[in-house]
PDB file of N, CA and C in Angstrom:
ATOM      1  N   MET A   1      29.289 -15.650  -2.607  1.00  0.00           N
ATOM      2  CA  MET A   1      28.047 -15.201  -3.219  1.00  0.00           C
ATOM      3  C   MET A   1      28.402 -14.501  -4.533  1.00  0.00           C
ATOM      4  N   THR A   2      27.698 -14.839  -5.576  1.00  0.00           N
ATOM      5  CA  THR A   2      27.915 -14.194  -6.867  1.00  0.00           C
ATOM      6  C   THR A   2      26.867 -13.109  -7.074  1.00  0.00           C
ATOM      7  N   ILE A   3      27.067 -12.317  -8.101  1.00  0.00           N
ATOM      8  CA  ILE A   3      26.111 -11.234  -8.397  1.00  0.00           C
ATOM      9  C   ILE A   3      24.745 -11.800  -8.773  1.00  0.00           C
ATOM     10  N   ASP A   4      24.706 -13.054  -9.230  1.00  0.00           N
ATOM     11  CA  ASP A   4      23.423 -13.674  -9.584  1.00  0.00           C
ATOM     12  C   ASP A   4      22.526 -13.881  -8.368  1.00  0.00           C
ATOM     13  N   ASP A   5      23.117 -14.104  -7.206  1.00  0.00           N
ATOM     14  CA  ASP A   5      22.319 -14.341  -5.999  1.00  0.00           C
ATOM     15  C   ASP A   5      21.460 -13.125  -5.631  1.00  0.00           C
ATOM     16  N   PRO A   6      22.059 -11.934  -5.474  1.00  0.00           N
ATOM     17  CA  PRO A   6      21.197 -10.788  -5.162  1.00  0.00           C
ATOM     18  C   PRO A   6      20.280 -10.428  -6.325  1.00  0.00           C
ATOM     19  N   SER A   7      20.736 -10.676  -7.542  1.00  0.00           N
ATOM     20  CA  SER A   7      19.887 -10.387  -8.697  1.00  0.00           C
ATOM     21  C   SER A   7      18.613 -11.221  -8.638  1.00  0.00           C
ATOM     22  N   LYS A   8      18.749 -12.492  -8.326  1.00  0.00           N
ATOM     23  CA  LYS A   8      17.578 -13.365  -8.210  1.00  0.00           C
ATOM     24  C   LYS A   8      16.690 -12.922  -7.051  1.00  0.00           C
ATOM     25  N   LYS A   9      17.315 -12.528  -5.950  1.00  0.00           N
ATOM     26  CA  LYS A   9      16.550 -12.077  -4.786  1.00  0.00           C
ATOM     27  C   LYS A   9      15.769 -10.809  -5.121  1.00  0.00           C
ATOM     28  N   LEU A  10      16.419  -9.861  -5.823  1.00  0.00           N
ATOM     29  CA  LEU A  10      15.744  -8.619  -6.202  1.00  0.00           C
ATOM     30  C   LEU A  10      14.629  -8.893  -7.205  1.00  0.00           C
ATOM     31  N   ASP A  11      14.847  -9.836  -8.114  1.00  0.00           N
ATOM     32  CA  ASP A  11      13.782 -10.233  -9.045  1.00  0.00           C
ATOM     33  C   ASP A  11      12.587 -10.792  -8.290  1.00  0.00           C
ATOM     34  N   LYS A  12      12.849 -11.609  -7.275  1.00  0.00           N
ATOM     35  CA  LYS A  12      11.769 -12.199  -6.470  1.00  0.00           C
ATOM     36  C   LYS A  12      10.990 -11.102  -5.740  1.00  0.00           C
ATOM     37  N   ILE A  13      11.705 -10.147  -5.172  1.00  0.00           N
ATOM     38  CA  ILE A  13      11.047  -9.036  -4.466  1.00  0.00           C
ATOM     39  C   ILE A  13      10.174  -8.243  -5.434  1.00  0.00           C
ATOM     40  N   THR A  14      10.709  -7.969  -6.619  1.00  0.00           N
ATOM     41  CA  THR A  14       9.960  -7.223  -7.633  1.00  0.00           C
ATOM     42  C   THR A  14       8.724  -7.989  -8.076  1.00  0.00           C
ATOM     43  N   ASP A  15       8.867  -9.296  -8.288  1.00  0.00           N
ATOM     44  CA  ASP A  15       7.736 -10.122  -8.700  1.00  0.00           C
ATOM     45  C   ASP A  15       6.649 -10.158  -7.624  1.00  0.00           C
ATOM     46  N   GLU A  16       7.063 -10.238  -6.363  1.00  0.00           N
ATOM     47  CA  GLU A  16       6.096 -10.242  -5.264  1.00  0.00           C
ATOM     48  C   GLU A  16       5.341  -8.908  -5.200  1.00  0.00           C
ATOM     49  N   PHE A  17       6.062  -7.819  -5.411  1.00  0.00           N
ATOM     50  CA  PHE A  17       5.432  -6.498  -5.425  1.00  0.00           C
ATOM     51  C   PHE A  17       4.407  -6.417  -6.551  1.00  0.00           C
ATOM     52  N   ALA A  18       4.807  -6.830  -7.748  1.00  0.00           N
ATOM     53  CA  ALA A  18       3.903  -6.774  -8.900  1.00  0.00           C
ATOM     54  C   ALA A  18       2.669  -7.637  -8.672  1.00  0.00           C
ATOM     55  N   SER A  19       2.875  -8.806  -8.112  1.00  0.00           N
ATOM     56  CA  SER A  19       1.749  -9.709  -7.841  1.00  0.00           C
ATOM     57  C   SER A  19       0.774  -9.086  -6.844  1.00  0.00           C
ATOM     58  N   GLN A  20       1.311  -8.489  -5.790  1.00  0.00           N
ATOM     59  CA  GLN A  20       0.460  -7.870  -4.771  1.00  0.00           C
ATOM     60  C   GLN A  20      -0.332  -6.699  -5.354  1.00  0.00           C
ATOM     61  N   ILE A  21       0.335  -5.880  -6.147  1.00  0.00           N
ATOM     62  CA  ILE A  21      -0.327  -4.708  -6.728  1.00  0.00           C
ATOM     63  C   ILE A  21      -1.392  -5.139  -7.739  1.00  0.00           C
ATOM     64  N   LYS A  22      -1.081  -6.146  -8.548  1.00  0.00           N
ATOM     65  CA  LYS A  22      -2.068  -6.629  -9.522  1.00  0.00           C
ATOM     66  C   LYS A  22      -3.287  -7.215  -8.829  1.00  0.00           C
ATOM     67  N   ALA A  23      -3.074  -7.878  -7.694  1.00  0.00           N
ATOM     68  CA  ALA A  23      -4.202  -8.434  -6.941  1.00  0.00           C
ATOM     69  C   ALA A  23      -5.056  -7.318  -6.337  1.00  0.00           C
ATOM     70  N   GLU A  24      -4.382  -6.278  -5.875  1.00  0.00           N
ATOM     71  CA  GLU A  24      -5.080  -5.162  -5.231  1.00  0.00           C
ATOM     72  C   GLU A  24      -5.767  -4.256  -6.254  1.00  0.00           C
ATOM     73  N   TYR A  25      -5.091  -4.076  -7.399  1.00  0.00           N
ATOM     74  CA  TYR A  25      -5.585  -3.157  -8.425  1.00  0.00           C
ATOM     75  C   TYR A  25      -5.524  -3.820  -9.797  1.00  0.00           C
ATOM     76  N   PRO A  26      -6.566  -4.558 -10.162  1.00  0.00           N
ATOM     77  CA  PRO A  26      -6.565  -5.260 -11.454  1.00  0.00           C
ATOM     78  C   PRO A  26      -6.402  -4.294 -12.628  1.00  0.00           C
ATOM     79  N   GLU A  27      -5.700  -4.770 -13.661  1.00  0.00           N
ATOM     80  CA  GLU A  27      -5.524  -3.952 -14.862  1.00  0.00           C
ATOM     81  C   GLU A  27      -6.873  -3.692 -15.517  1.00  0.00           C
ATOM     82  N   ASN A  28      -6.984  -2.551 -16.138  1.00  0.00           N
ATOM     83  CA  ASN A  28      -8.198  -2.133 -16.845  1.00  0.00           C
ATOM     84  C   ASN A  28      -9.406  -1.949 -15.940  1.00  0.00           C
ATOM     85  N   SER A  29      -9.175  -1.815 -14.639  1.00  0.00           N
ATOM     86  CA  SER A  29     -10.273  -1.565 -13.712  1.00  0.00           C
ATOM     87  C   SER A  29     -10.821  -0.165 -13.964  1.00  0.00           C
ATOM     88  N   GLN A  30     -12.125  -0.030 -13.894  1.00  0.00           N
ATOM     89  CA  GLN A  30     -12.772   1.261 -14.083  1.00  0.00           C
ATOM     90  C   GLN A  30     -13.087   1.930 -12.743  1.00  0.00           C
ATOM     91  N   VAL A  31     -12.661   1.307 -11.639  1.00  0.00           N
ATOM     92  CA  VAL A  31     -12.915   1.848 -10.301  1.00  0.00           C
ATOM     93  C   VAL A  31     -11.902   2.959 -10.016  1.00  0.00           C
ATOM     94  N   PRO A  32     -12.379   4.150  -9.697  1.00  0.00           N
ATOM     95  CA  PRO A  32     -11.446   5.253  -9.408  1.00  0.00           C
ATOM     96  C   PRO A  32     -10.623   4.975  -8.145  1.00  0.00           C
ATOM     97  N   ALA A  33      -9.387   5.453  -8.141  1.00  0.00           N
ATOM     98  CA  ALA A  33      -8.524   5.314  -6.966  1.00  0.00           C
ATOM     99  C   ALA A  33      -9.043   6.219  -5.853  1.00  0.00           C
ATOM    100  N   LYS A  34      -8.946   5.737  -4.631  1.00  0.00           N
ATOM    101  CA  LYS A  34      -9.359   6.500  -3.453  1.00  0.00           C
ATOM    102  C   LYS A  34      -8.124   6.824  -2.615  1.00  0.00           C
ATOM    103  N   GLU A  35      -8.292   7.675  -1.642  1.00  0.00           N
ATOM    104  CA  GLU A  35      -7.182   8.039  -0.765  1.00  0.00           C
ATOM    105  C   GLU A  35      -6.596   6.798  -0.101  1.00  0.00           C
ATOM    106  N   GLN A  36      -7.433   5.870   0.309  1.00  0.00           N
ATOM    107  CA  GLN A  36      -6.982   4.632   0.935  1.00  0.00           C
ATOM    108  C   GLN A  36      -6.101   3.825  -0.028  1.00  0.00           C
ATOM    109  N   ASP A  37      -6.439   3.851  -1.318  1.00  0.00           N
ATOM    110  CA  ASP A  37      -5.646   3.133  -2.320  1.00  0.00           C
ATOM    111  C   ASP A  37      -4.227   3.684  -2.383  1.00  0.00           C
ATOM    112  N   ILE A  38      -4.100   4.991  -2.301  1.00  0.00           N
ATOM    113  CA  ILE A  38      -2.776   5.615  -2.327  1.00  0.00           C
ATOM    114  C   ILE A  38      -1.975   5.178  -1.098  1.00  0.00           C
ATOM    115  N   GLY A  39      -2.636   5.079   0.039  1.00  0.00           N
ATOM    116  CA  GLY A  39      -1.972   4.618   1.260  1.00  0.00           C
ATOM    117  C   GLY A  39      -1.489   3.182   1.134  1.00  0.00           C
ATOM    118  N   ILE A  40      -2.325   2.332   0.553  1.00  0.00           N
ATOM    119  CA  ILE A  40      -1.947   0.930   0.352  1.00  0.00           C
ATOM    120  C   ILE A  40      -0.760   0.843  -0.596  1.00  0.00           C
ATOM    121  N   LEU A  41      -0.814   1.578  -1.690  1.00  0.00           N
ATOM    122  CA  LEU A  41       0.278   1.573  -2.655  1.00  0.00           C
ATOM    123  C   LEU A  41       1.567   2.093  -2.012  1.00  0.00           C
ATOM    124  N   ALA A  42       1.471   3.164  -1.256  1.00  0.00           N
ATOM    125  CA  ALA A  42       2.649   3.718  -0.589  1.00  0.00           C
ATOM    126  C   ALA A  42       3.257   2.696   0.368  1.00  0.00           C
ATOM    127  N   HIS A  43       2.423   1.985   1.097  1.00  0.00           N
ATOM    128  CA  HIS A  43       2.912   0.965   2.024  1.00  0.00           C
ATOM    129  C   HIS A  43       3.621  -0.158   1.275  1.00  0.00           C
ATOM    130  N   GLU A  44       3.050  -0.612   0.181  1.00  0.00           N
ATOM    131  CA  GLU A  44       3.666  -1.680  -0.606  1.00  0.00           C
ATOM    132  C   GLU A  44       5.005  -1.234  -1.185  1.00  0.00           C
ATOM    133  N   ILE A  45       5.085   0.003  -1.639  1.00  0.00           N
ATOM    134  CA  ILE A  45       6.346   0.531  -2.167  1.00  0.00           C
ATOM    135  C   ILE A  45       7.383   0.606  -1.050  1.00  0.00           C
ATOM    136  N   TYR A  46       6.977   1.077   0.115  1.00  0.00           N
ATOM    137  CA  TYR A  46       7.885   1.149   1.260  1.00  0.00           C
ATOM    138  C   TYR A  46       8.442  -0.228   1.607  1.00  0.00           C
ATOM    139  N   GLU A  47       7.561  -1.214   1.692  1.00  0.00           N
ATOM    140  CA  GLU A  47       7.984  -2.579   2.029  1.00  0.00           C
ATOM    141  C   GLU A  47       8.958  -3.119   0.983  1.00  0.00           C
ATOM    142  N   THR A  48       8.679  -2.855  -0.278  1.00  0.00           N
ATOM    143  CA  THR A  48       9.541  -3.331  -1.358  1.00  0.00           C
ATOM    144  C   THR A  48      10.906  -2.661  -1.291  1.00  0.00           C
ATOM    145  N   MET A  49      10.921  -1.363  -1.073  1.00  0.00           N
ATOM    146  CA  MET A  49      12.203  -0.650  -0.976  1.00  0.00           C
ATOM    147  C   MET A  49      13.009  -1.145   0.232  1.00  0.00           C
ATOM    148  N   ARG A  50      12.345  -1.408   1.335  1.00  0.00           N
ATOM    149  CA  ARG A  50      13.024  -1.943   2.522  1.00  0.00           C
ATOM    150  C   ARG A  50      13.636  -3.302   2.214  1.00  0.00           C
ATOM    151  N   ASP A  51      12.883  -4.166   1.522  1.00  0.00           N
ATOM    152  CA  ASP A  51      13.387  -5.483   1.152  1.00  0.00           C
ATOM    153  C   ASP A  51      14.582  -5.365   0.207  1.00  0.00           C
ATOM    154  N   PHE A  52      14.526  -4.409  -0.731  1.00  0.00           N
ATOM    155  CA  PHE A  52      15.648  -4.167  -1.638  1.00  0.00           C
ATOM    156  C   PHE A  52      16.891  -3.777  -0.826  1.00  0.00           C
ATOM    157  N   LYS A  53      16.702  -2.847   0.098  1.00  0.00           N
ATOM    158  CA  LYS A  53      17.824  -2.375   0.917  1.00  0.00           C
ATOM    159  C   LYS A  53      18.453  -3.535   1.683  1.00  0.00           C
ATOM    160  N   GLU A  54      17.634  -4.361   2.300  1.00  0.00           N
ATOM    161  CA  GLU A  54      18.145  -5.488   3.073  1.00  0.00           C
ATOM    162  C   GLU A  54      18.904  -6.470   2.190  1.00  0.00           C
ATOM    163  N   ALA A  55      18.393  -6.734   0.985  1.00  0.00           N
ATOM    164  CA  ALA A  55      19.066  -7.656   0.070  1.00  0.00           C
ATOM    165  C   ALA A  55      20.410  -7.095  -0.375  1.00  0.00           C
ATOM    166  N   ILE A  56      20.462  -5.811  -0.654  1.00  0.00           N
ATOM    167  CA  ILE A  56      21.706  -5.187  -1.095  1.00  0.00           C
ATOM    168  C   ILE A  56      22.730  -5.166   0.041  1.00  0.00           C
ATOM    169  N   ILE A  57      22.295  -4.824   1.233  1.00  0.00           N
ATOM    170  CA  ILE A  57      23.208  -4.794   2.376  1.00  0.00           C
ATOM    171  C   ILE A  57      23.725  -6.196   2.669  1.00  0.00           C
ATOM    172  N   GLU A  58      22.863  -7.187   2.605  1.00  0.00           N
ATOM    173  CA  GLU A  58      23.280  -8.569   2.807  1.00  0.00           C
ATOM    174  C   GLU A  58      24.379  -8.963   1.819  1.00  0.00           C
ATOM    175  N   TYR A  59      24.178  -8.592   0.558  1.00  0.00           N
ATOM    176  CA  TYR A  59      25.177  -8.893  -0.470  1.00  0.00           C
ATOM    177  C   TYR A  59      26.492  -8.186  -0.182  1.00  0.00           C
ATOM    178  N   LEU A  60      26.421  -6.903   0.167  1.00  0.00           N
ATOM    179  CA  LEU A  60      27.638  -6.138   0.415  1.00  0.00           C
ATOM    180  C   LEU A  60      28.405  -6.675   1.622  1.00  0.00           C
ATOM    181  N   LYS A  61      27.715  -7.151   2.634  1.00  0.00           N
ATOM    182  CA  LYS A  61      28.384  -7.714   3.808  1.00  0.00           C
ATOM    183  C   LYS A  61      29.155  -8.983   3.443  1.00  0.00           C
ATOM    184  N   GLN A  62      28.643  -9.727   2.456  1.00  0.00           N
ATOM    185  CA  GLN A  62      29.289 -10.986   2.079  1.00  0.00           C
ATOM    186  C   GLN A  62      30.307 -10.806   0.962  1.00  0.00           C
ATOM    187  N   ALA A  63      30.338  -9.637   0.367  1.00  0.00           N
ATOM    188  CA  ALA A  63      31.257  -9.398  -0.759  1.00  0.00           C
ATOM    189  C   ALA A  63      32.677  -9.155  -0.280  1.00  0.00           C
TER     190      ALA A  63
END
């Protein structure tokens, strides 16, 4: 495995996160954020960080 493999995987995870957040919270929206919105965002960040951790550990195990 080369460094490009985890880099591509991390890029994919980041792109998926951005896509999900943009779908949930469109740019230039005038709708105020609610407490539920913060919970959704926190969950998405948690999932993304978990995916990052798994990708990095996978790479380190194969290195």
